[in-house]
Protein backbone atom coordinates (compact mmCIF):
# COMPACT_ATOMS: atom_id res chain seq x y z
CA MET A 1 76.00 -46.31 -62.18
CA GLN A 2 73.90 -46.20 -59.03
CA TYR A 3 73.95 -49.13 -56.64
CA GLN A 4 73.10 -49.98 -53.05
CA LEU A 5 76.18 -50.66 -50.93
CA ILE A 6 75.84 -53.06 -47.99
CA ARG A 7 78.88 -53.57 -45.80
CA SER A 8 79.43 -56.52 -43.50
CA ALA A 9 82.15 -57.51 -41.05
CA ARG A 10 81.67 -61.15 -42.04
CA ARG A 11 82.38 -60.67 -45.73
CA LYS A 12 85.86 -61.27 -47.09
CA SER A 13 85.22 -60.25 -50.70
CA VAL A 14 83.03 -57.96 -52.80
CA ALA A 15 79.91 -59.37 -54.48
CA ILE A 16 77.59 -57.71 -56.99
CA GLN A 17 73.94 -58.76 -57.20
CA VAL A 18 71.22 -57.69 -59.62
CA ARG A 19 67.71 -58.22 -58.26
CA GLU A 20 64.40 -56.66 -59.29
CA GLN A 21 66.23 -54.21 -61.60
CA ARG A 22 68.38 -53.05 -58.67
CA VAL A 23 72.14 -53.34 -58.27
CA VAL A 24 73.35 -54.35 -54.79
CA VAL A 25 77.03 -54.44 -53.85
CA ARG A 26 78.00 -56.37 -50.72
CA ALA A 27 81.45 -55.62 -49.39
CA PRO A 28 83.61 -55.98 -46.27
CA PHE A 29 84.45 -52.85 -44.28
CA PHE A 30 88.13 -52.88 -45.26
CA VAL A 31 87.44 -52.33 -48.99
CA CYS A 32 87.43 -48.61 -49.85
CA GLU A 33 84.64 -47.03 -51.93
CA LYS A 34 87.04 -46.15 -54.75
CA ALA A 35 87.89 -49.84 -55.21
CA ILE A 36 84.19 -50.73 -55.17
CA GLU A 37 83.37 -48.08 -57.79
CA SER A 38 86.20 -49.41 -59.96
CA LEU A 39 84.85 -52.96 -59.72
CA VAL A 40 81.31 -51.84 -60.59
CA ALA A 41 82.68 -49.98 -63.63
CA LYS A 42 84.56 -53.09 -64.77
CA LYS A 43 81.44 -55.22 -64.35
CA ARG A 44 79.20 -52.69 -66.12
CA GLN A 45 78.52 -54.91 -69.15
CA TRP A 46 77.65 -57.88 -66.93
CA ILE A 47 75.31 -55.70 -64.83
CA GLU A 48 73.60 -54.32 -67.95
CA GLN A 49 73.04 -57.82 -69.35
CA HIS A 50 71.44 -59.01 -66.12
CA LEU A 51 69.22 -55.93 -65.85
CA LYS A 52 68.02 -56.53 -69.42
CA LEU A 53 67.45 -60.23 -68.78
CA GLN A 54 65.40 -59.60 -65.64
CA MET A 55 63.19 -57.06 -67.39
CA SER A 56 62.67 -59.35 -70.37
CA ASN A 57 61.93 -62.38 -68.18
CA GLN A 58 59.43 -60.51 -66.07
CA GLN A 59 57.39 -59.45 -69.07
CA ARG A 60 57.64 -62.91 -70.66
CA HIS A 61 56.44 -64.74 -67.55
CA CYS A 62 53.83 -62.27 -66.37
CA ASP A 63 50.37 -63.77 -66.79
CA PHE A 64 48.77 -60.32 -67.21
CA THR A 65 45.70 -61.00 -65.10
CA HIS A 66 43.92 -59.16 -62.32
CA GLY A 67 46.15 -59.41 -59.24
CA SER A 68 49.40 -60.20 -61.04
CA GLN A 69 52.37 -57.89 -60.59
CA ILE A 70 54.58 -55.88 -62.92
CA MET A 71 57.44 -53.40 -62.55
CA VAL A 72 56.61 -49.77 -63.36
CA ARG A 73 59.50 -47.27 -63.13
CA GLY A 74 61.30 -49.57 -60.73
CA GLU A 75 58.35 -50.18 -58.42
CA LEU A 76 56.39 -53.41 -58.17
CA LYS A 77 52.71 -52.72 -58.93
CA THR A 78 49.66 -54.96 -58.76
CA ILE A 79 47.51 -55.06 -61.89
CA GLN A 80 43.86 -54.13 -61.25
CA VAL A 81 41.46 -54.92 -64.09
CA THR A 82 38.09 -53.21 -64.44
CA TYR A 83 35.63 -52.65 -67.30
CA GLY A 84 34.44 -49.28 -68.56
CA SER A 85 33.50 -47.27 -71.63
CA LYS A 86 37.08 -46.50 -72.66
CA GLN A 87 40.29 -48.53 -72.47
CA SER A 88 43.04 -46.99 -70.39
CA VAL A 89 45.92 -47.65 -68.00
CA ASN A 90 46.35 -45.53 -64.87
CA ASP A 91 49.30 -45.65 -62.50
CA SER A 92 48.55 -45.24 -58.80
CA THR A 93 50.70 -45.67 -55.69
CA SER A 94 50.48 -49.46 -55.43
CA PHE A 95 48.39 -50.44 -58.44
CA LEU A 96 48.42 -50.26 -62.21
CA LYS A 97 44.75 -49.94 -63.13
CA VAL A 98 43.83 -51.41 -66.52
CA VAL A 99 40.39 -50.56 -67.89
CA LEU A 100 39.01 -52.79 -70.67
CA VAL A 101 35.90 -51.91 -72.69
CA ASN A 102 34.04 -55.20 -72.52
CA LYS A 103 34.46 -58.93 -72.56
CA THR A 104 35.21 -60.47 -75.98
CA SER A 105 36.39 -63.76 -77.39
CA THR A 106 39.98 -62.45 -77.21
CA SER A 107 41.68 -63.63 -74.03
CA GLU A 108 41.73 -61.09 -71.22
CA SER A 109 45.46 -61.66 -70.71
CA ALA A 110 46.22 -60.76 -74.34
CA ARG A 111 44.10 -57.60 -74.11
CA ILE A 112 45.78 -56.54 -70.87
CA LYS A 113 49.22 -57.12 -72.39
CA LYS A 114 48.29 -55.02 -75.42
CA GLN A 115 47.10 -52.18 -73.20
CA LEU A 116 50.24 -52.33 -71.05
CA GLU A 117 52.50 -52.25 -74.09
CA LYS A 118 50.58 -49.23 -75.40
CA TYR A 119 50.94 -47.58 -71.98
CA PHE A 120 54.71 -48.17 -71.77
CA ARG A 121 55.17 -46.96 -75.35
CA THR A 122 53.27 -43.74 -74.60
CA GLU A 123 55.21 -43.19 -71.37
CA ALA A 124 58.49 -43.72 -73.23
CA ASN A 125 57.53 -41.27 -75.97
CA ASN A 126 56.64 -38.68 -73.33
CA THR A 127 59.69 -39.26 -71.13
CA LEU A 128 62.68 -40.13 -73.30
CA PRO A 129 62.79 -37.06 -75.62
CA LEU A 130 62.94 -34.78 -72.57
CA LYS A 131 65.73 -36.80 -70.98
CA VAL A 132 67.70 -37.02 -74.23
CA ALA A 133 67.42 -33.26 -74.78
CA LEU A 134 68.57 -32.55 -71.22
CA PHE A 135 71.56 -34.90 -71.22
CA ALA A 136 72.57 -33.99 -74.78
CA GLN A 137 72.83 -30.36 -73.68
CA LEU A 138 74.80 -31.28 -70.54
CA MET A 139 77.15 -33.48 -72.60
CA SER A 140 77.48 -30.88 -75.39
CA THR A 141 76.46 -33.31 -78.10
CA GLU A 142 73.73 -33.60 -80.72
CA TYR A 143 71.46 -36.25 -82.21
CA THR A 144 69.21 -36.39 -85.25
CA GLU A 145 66.22 -38.48 -84.22
CA ILE A 146 64.70 -40.49 -81.37
CA ARG A 147 62.92 -43.78 -82.05
CA VAL A 148 60.95 -45.76 -79.48
CA ARG A 149 60.29 -49.44 -80.13
CA LYS A 150 60.21 -52.81 -78.45
CA TYR A 151 63.43 -54.80 -78.65
CA SER A 152 63.97 -58.32 -77.40
CA ALA A 153 67.64 -58.05 -76.48
CA ARG A 154 68.67 -54.41 -76.01
CA TRP A 155 67.66 -51.25 -74.22
CA GLY A 156 68.94 -48.77 -76.74
CA SER A 157 71.27 -48.04 -79.63
CA CYS A 158 72.91 -45.14 -81.43
CA SER A 159 73.58 -45.12 -85.16
CA SER A 160 76.52 -43.40 -86.82
CA ASN A 161 74.22 -40.66 -88.12
CA GLY A 162 72.88 -39.82 -84.67
CA VAL A 163 69.62 -41.77 -84.57
CA LEU A 164 68.90 -42.87 -81.00
CA SER A 165 66.64 -45.88 -80.51
CA PHE A 166 65.20 -46.95 -77.17
CA ASN A 167 63.22 -49.91 -75.87
CA TYR A 168 59.92 -48.69 -74.44
CA LEU A 169 60.15 -51.41 -71.77
CA LEU A 170 62.68 -49.08 -70.13
CA MET A 171 59.61 -47.60 -68.48
CA MET A 172 59.57 -50.69 -66.27
CA ALA A 173 63.00 -49.83 -64.88
CA PRO A 174 64.00 -47.34 -62.16
CA GLU A 175 64.67 -43.78 -63.32
CA TRP A 176 68.42 -44.10 -62.75
CA VAL A 177 68.52 -47.01 -65.22
CA VAL A 178 66.67 -44.92 -67.82
CA ASP A 179 69.11 -42.03 -67.24
CA TYR A 180 72.04 -44.41 -67.54
CA VAL A 181 70.84 -45.84 -70.86
CA VAL A 182 70.22 -42.36 -72.29
CA ILE A 183 73.70 -41.18 -71.24
CA HIS A 184 75.22 -44.42 -72.53
CA GLU A 185 73.70 -44.02 -75.99
CA LEU A 186 74.58 -40.31 -76.17
CA SER A 187 78.16 -41.22 -75.28
CA HIS A 188 78.29 -43.15 -78.55
CA ARG A 189 78.15 -39.78 -80.30
CA PHE A 190 81.79 -39.48 -79.20
CA HIS A 191 82.83 -43.14 -79.50
CA MET A 192 80.87 -45.61 -81.63
CA ASN A 193 82.22 -48.59 -79.66
CA HIS A 194 82.84 -49.85 -76.14
CA SER A 195 86.59 -49.31 -76.13
CA PRO A 196 88.46 -47.99 -73.07
CA ASP A 197 88.10 -44.48 -74.56
CA PHE A 198 84.32 -44.89 -74.43
């Protein structure tokens, strides 16, 4: 698991923080990196839960209006709303440009949300199969199917018959988080649990 390590002479203990889908470890200079890596591994489940919660909360509380912000692949983007002949979502350096066809009785926020969900779903369907194929080959394992959906409380799952399911909201997270989830679910092809062997 990737994390940012910040050392300080003032600190007397190690602390793990999860902010904006990023993991930050603060540690004193006398704690070796091996001990820090071990602690992060032990706290993996806690870290995963907080990453999921932050992503879910951001989408739930976003007002989906022109000028509001949303995470896209780990970067905070400002939503820009315009009107045109065809609905679309385009990712630029600092903005996520949402084009709506015209004004209707349906609230603009609801229409923006619908377009964003369609965008993240498309991005997930384009991105995840490639990552799964790559890591499956590196891990010398197989799978039967990839499903992309929206889940309220999980990022992914692996069934006993090799069906891998992923939350398309993963496209809001940094690439290392996406890689981690893919590797995590593929690891269940060897152990269908979270035991020490896993």
